[in-house]
Amino acid sequence: MSEAERALERAEALVERLEETRRRLESTQDAEAATEVLSELAEIAREIEAELAEARRRAEEDAREEP
């Protein structure tokens, strides 16, 4: 498995975590808890973005290395 594929797998796992967190947000009635969950969603989104950037970078490296 390539490094790009590993980064994509990590991003997919983070998307699952994002969905679980989003469901928690939908079920909360407490404004303070909702704010905390929104912060968590933002952090997960940043992590997903970083993993996708890493996957893209690794895929481009792999493409340059292929004859």
N, C-alpha and C. Protein backbone atom coordinates (compact mmCIF):
# COMPACT_ATOMS: atom_id res chain seq x y z
N MET A 1 0.85 -1.18 0.00
CA MET A 1 0.00 0.00 0.00
C MET A 1 0.89 1.24 0.00
N SER A 2 0.57 2.17 -0.85
CA SER A 2 1.38 3.38 -0.97
C SER A 2 1.06 4.36 0.16
N GLU A 3 1.96 5.30 0.34
CA GLU A 3 1.74 6.35 1.35
C GLU A 3 0.51 7.18 1.02
N ALA A 4 0.25 7.39 -0.26
CA ALA A 4 -0.94 8.14 -0.67
C ALA A 4 -2.20 7.40 -0.24
N GLU A 5 -2.20 6.09 -0.44
CA GLU A 5 -3.37 5.29 -0.05
C GLU A 5 -3.55 5.29 1.46
N ARG A 6 -2.45 5.25 2.18
CA ARG A 6 -2.54 5.30 3.65
C ARG A 6 -3.14 6.63 4.12
N ALA A 7 -2.71 7.72 3.49
CA ALA A 7 -3.24 9.03 3.84
C ALA A 7 -4.73 9.10 3.52
N LEU A 8 -5.14 8.51 2.40
CA LEU A 8 -6.56 8.48 2.06
C LEU A 8 -7.36 7.66 3.06
N GLU A 9 -6.80 6.55 3.51
CA GLU A 9 -7.48 5.74 4.54
C GLU A 9 -7.65 6.53 5.83
N ARG A 10 -6.62 7.26 6.20
CA ARG A 10 -6.73 8.09 7.42
C ARG A 10 -7.80 9.16 7.23
N ALA A 11 -7.85 9.76 6.04
CA ALA A 11 -8.88 10.77 5.76
C ALA A 11 -10.27 10.15 5.83
N GLU A 12 -10.42 8.95 5.30
CA GLU A 12 -11.72 8.27 5.36
C GLU A 12 -12.15 8.01 6.80
N ALA A 13 -11.20 7.58 7.62
CA ALA A 13 -11.51 7.35 9.04
C ALA A 13 -11.92 8.66 9.71
N LEU A 14 -11.25 9.74 9.34
CA LEU A 14 -11.61 11.05 9.90
C LEU A 14 -12.99 11.49 9.43
N VAL A 15 -13.36 11.18 8.21
CA VAL A 15 -14.70 11.52 7.72
C VAL A 15 -15.75 10.78 8.53
N GLU A 16 -15.48 9.52 8.84
CA GLU A 16 -16.41 8.76 9.70
C GLU A 16 -16.54 9.43 11.06
N ARG A 17 -15.40 9.85 11.62
CA ARG A 17 -15.41 10.55 12.92
C ARG A 17 -16.18 11.86 12.81
N LEU A 18 -16.01 12.56 11.68
CA LEU A 18 -16.73 13.81 11.45
C LEU A 18 -18.24 13.56 11.44
N GLU A 19 -18.67 12.50 10.76
CA GLU A 19 -20.09 12.18 10.70
C GLU A 19 -20.65 11.85 12.08
N GLU A 20 -19.90 11.09 12.86
CA GLU A 20 -20.33 10.76 14.23
C GLU A 20 -20.47 12.03 15.06
N THR A 21 -19.52 12.92 14.92
CA THR A 21 -19.53 14.18 15.67
C THR A 21 -20.69 15.06 15.22
N ARG A 22 -20.95 15.07 13.92
CA ARG A 22 -22.07 15.85 13.39
C ARG A 22 -23.40 15.33 13.96
N ARG A 23 -23.52 14.02 14.08
CA ARG A 23 -24.74 13.44 14.67
C ARG A 23 -24.89 13.88 16.13
N ARG A 24 -23.74 13.95 16.84
CA ARG A 24 -23.80 14.43 18.23
C ARG A 24 -24.29 15.86 18.27
N LEU A 25 -23.81 16.68 17.33
CA LEU A 25 -24.25 18.08 17.28
C LEU A 25 -25.75 18.16 17.05
N GLU A 26 -26.26 17.35 16.14
CA GLU A 26 -27.69 17.38 15.84
C GLU A 26 -28.54 16.97 17.03
N SER A 27 -27.98 16.13 17.89
CA SER A 27 -28.77 15.63 19.01
C SER A 27 -28.66 16.48 20.27
N THR A 28 -27.77 17.44 20.30
CA THR A 28 -27.60 18.25 21.51
C THR A 28 -28.57 19.43 21.53
N GLN A 29 -29.01 19.75 22.72
CA GLN A 29 -29.88 20.90 22.93
C GLN A 29 -29.17 22.01 23.70
N ASP A 30 -28.00 21.66 24.23
CA ASP A 30 -27.25 22.59 25.06
C ASP A 30 -26.33 23.45 24.19
N ALA A 31 -26.46 24.76 24.30
CA ALA A 31 -25.68 25.68 23.46
C ALA A 31 -24.18 25.55 23.72
N GLU A 32 -23.79 25.41 24.97
CA GLU A 32 -22.37 25.28 25.29
C GLU A 32 -21.80 23.99 24.71
N ALA A 33 -22.54 22.91 24.85
CA ALA A 33 -22.09 21.64 24.28
C ALA A 33 -22.02 21.73 22.76
N ALA A 34 -22.98 22.40 22.15
CA ALA A 34 -22.98 22.57 20.69
C ALA A 34 -21.75 23.34 20.24
N THR A 35 -21.37 24.35 20.99
CA THR A 35 -20.17 25.13 20.66
C THR A 35 -18.93 24.25 20.72
N GLU A 36 -18.85 23.42 21.72
CA GLU A 36 -17.71 22.50 21.85
C GLU A 36 -17.67 21.52 20.68
N VAL A 37 -18.82 21.00 20.32
CA VAL A 37 -18.89 20.04 19.21
C VAL A 37 -18.52 20.73 17.90
N LEU A 38 -18.96 21.98 17.72
CA LEU A 38 -18.59 22.72 16.51
C LEU A 38 -17.07 22.91 16.43
N SER A 39 -16.44 23.18 17.55
CA SER A 39 -14.99 23.31 17.58
C SER A 39 -14.33 21.98 17.20
N GLU A 40 -14.88 20.90 17.71
CA GLU A 40 -14.36 19.58 17.38
C GLU A 40 -14.54 19.29 15.89
N LEU A 41 -15.68 19.67 15.34
CA LEU A 41 -15.92 19.48 13.90
C LEU A 41 -14.90 20.26 13.08
N ALA A 42 -14.61 21.47 13.48
CA ALA A 42 -13.63 22.29 12.77
C ALA A 42 -12.25 21.65 12.81
N GLU A 43 -11.87 21.12 13.95
CA GLU A 43 -10.57 20.47 14.08
C GLU A 43 -10.50 19.22 13.20
N ILE A 44 -11.54 18.42 13.21
CA ILE A 44 -11.55 17.22 12.37
C ILE A 44 -11.47 17.61 10.90
N ALA A 45 -12.18 18.65 10.52
CA ALA A 45 -12.14 19.11 9.12
C ALA A 45 -10.72 19.53 8.74
N ARG A 46 -10.01 20.19 9.64
CA ARG A 46 -8.62 20.57 9.37
C ARG A 46 -7.74 19.33 9.21
N GLU A 47 -7.98 18.33 10.04
CA GLU A 47 -7.21 17.09 9.94
C GLU A 47 -7.48 16.39 8.61
N ILE A 48 -8.74 16.39 8.18
CA ILE A 48 -9.09 15.79 6.89
C ILE A 48 -8.38 16.52 5.77
N GLU A 49 -8.41 17.84 5.82
CA GLU A 49 -7.76 18.64 4.80
C GLU A 49 -6.26 18.33 4.73
N ALA A 50 -5.63 18.17 5.89
CA ALA A 50 -4.20 17.87 5.94
C ALA A 50 -3.92 16.48 5.34
N GLU A 51 -4.74 15.51 5.67
CA GLU A 51 -4.54 14.16 5.13
C GLU A 51 -4.74 14.14 3.62
N LEU A 52 -5.73 14.87 3.13
CA LEU A 52 -5.96 14.91 1.69
C LEU A 52 -4.80 15.60 0.98
N ALA A 53 -4.27 16.65 1.58
CA ALA A 53 -3.11 17.33 1.00
C ALA A 53 -1.90 16.38 0.97
N GLU A 54 -1.74 15.62 2.04
CA GLU A 54 -0.65 14.65 2.10
C GLU A 54 -0.84 13.57 1.03
N ALA A 55 -2.06 13.07 0.87
CA ALA A 55 -2.33 12.06 -0.14
C ALA A 55 -2.03 12.61 -1.53
N ARG A 56 -2.43 13.83 -1.78
CA ARG A 56 -2.18 14.45 -3.08
C ARG A 56 -0.67 14.58 -3.32
N ARG A 57 0.04 15.07 -2.30
CA ARG A 57 1.48 15.24 -2.43
C ARG A 57 2.18 13.92 -2.69
N ARG A 58 1.79 12.88 -1.95
CA ARG A 58 2.39 11.56 -2.12
C ARG A 58 2.06 10.98 -3.50
N ALA A 59 0.84 11.16 -3.96
CA ALA A 59 0.45 10.66 -5.28
C ALA A 59 1.25 11.35 -6.37
N GLU A 60 1.45 12.65 -6.23
CA GLU A 60 2.26 13.38 -7.21
C GLU A 60 3.71 12.91 -7.19
N GLU A 61 4.24 12.63 -6.00
CA GLU A 61 5.59 12.10 -5.89
C GLU A 61 5.68 10.74 -6.58
N ASP A 62 4.71 9.88 -6.30
CA ASP A 62 4.69 8.56 -6.92
C ASP A 62 4.61 8.66 -8.44
N ALA A 63 3.81 9.59 -8.93
CA ALA A 63 3.66 9.75 -10.38
C ALA A 63 4.98 10.21 -11.01
N ARG A 64 5.72 11.06 -10.32
CA ARG A 64 7.00 11.54 -10.85
C ARG A 64 8.04 10.43 -10.84
N GLU A 65 7.94 9.52 -9.89
CA GLU A 65 8.91 8.43 -9.76
C GLU A 65 8.67 7.31 -10.77
N GLU A 66 7.46 7.20 -11.29
CA GLU A 66 7.16 6.14 -12.26
C GLU A 66 7.82 6.45 -13.59
N PRO A 67 8.38 5.41 -14.26
CA PRO A 67 9.05 5.65 -15.55
C PRO A 67 8.08 5.99 -16.66
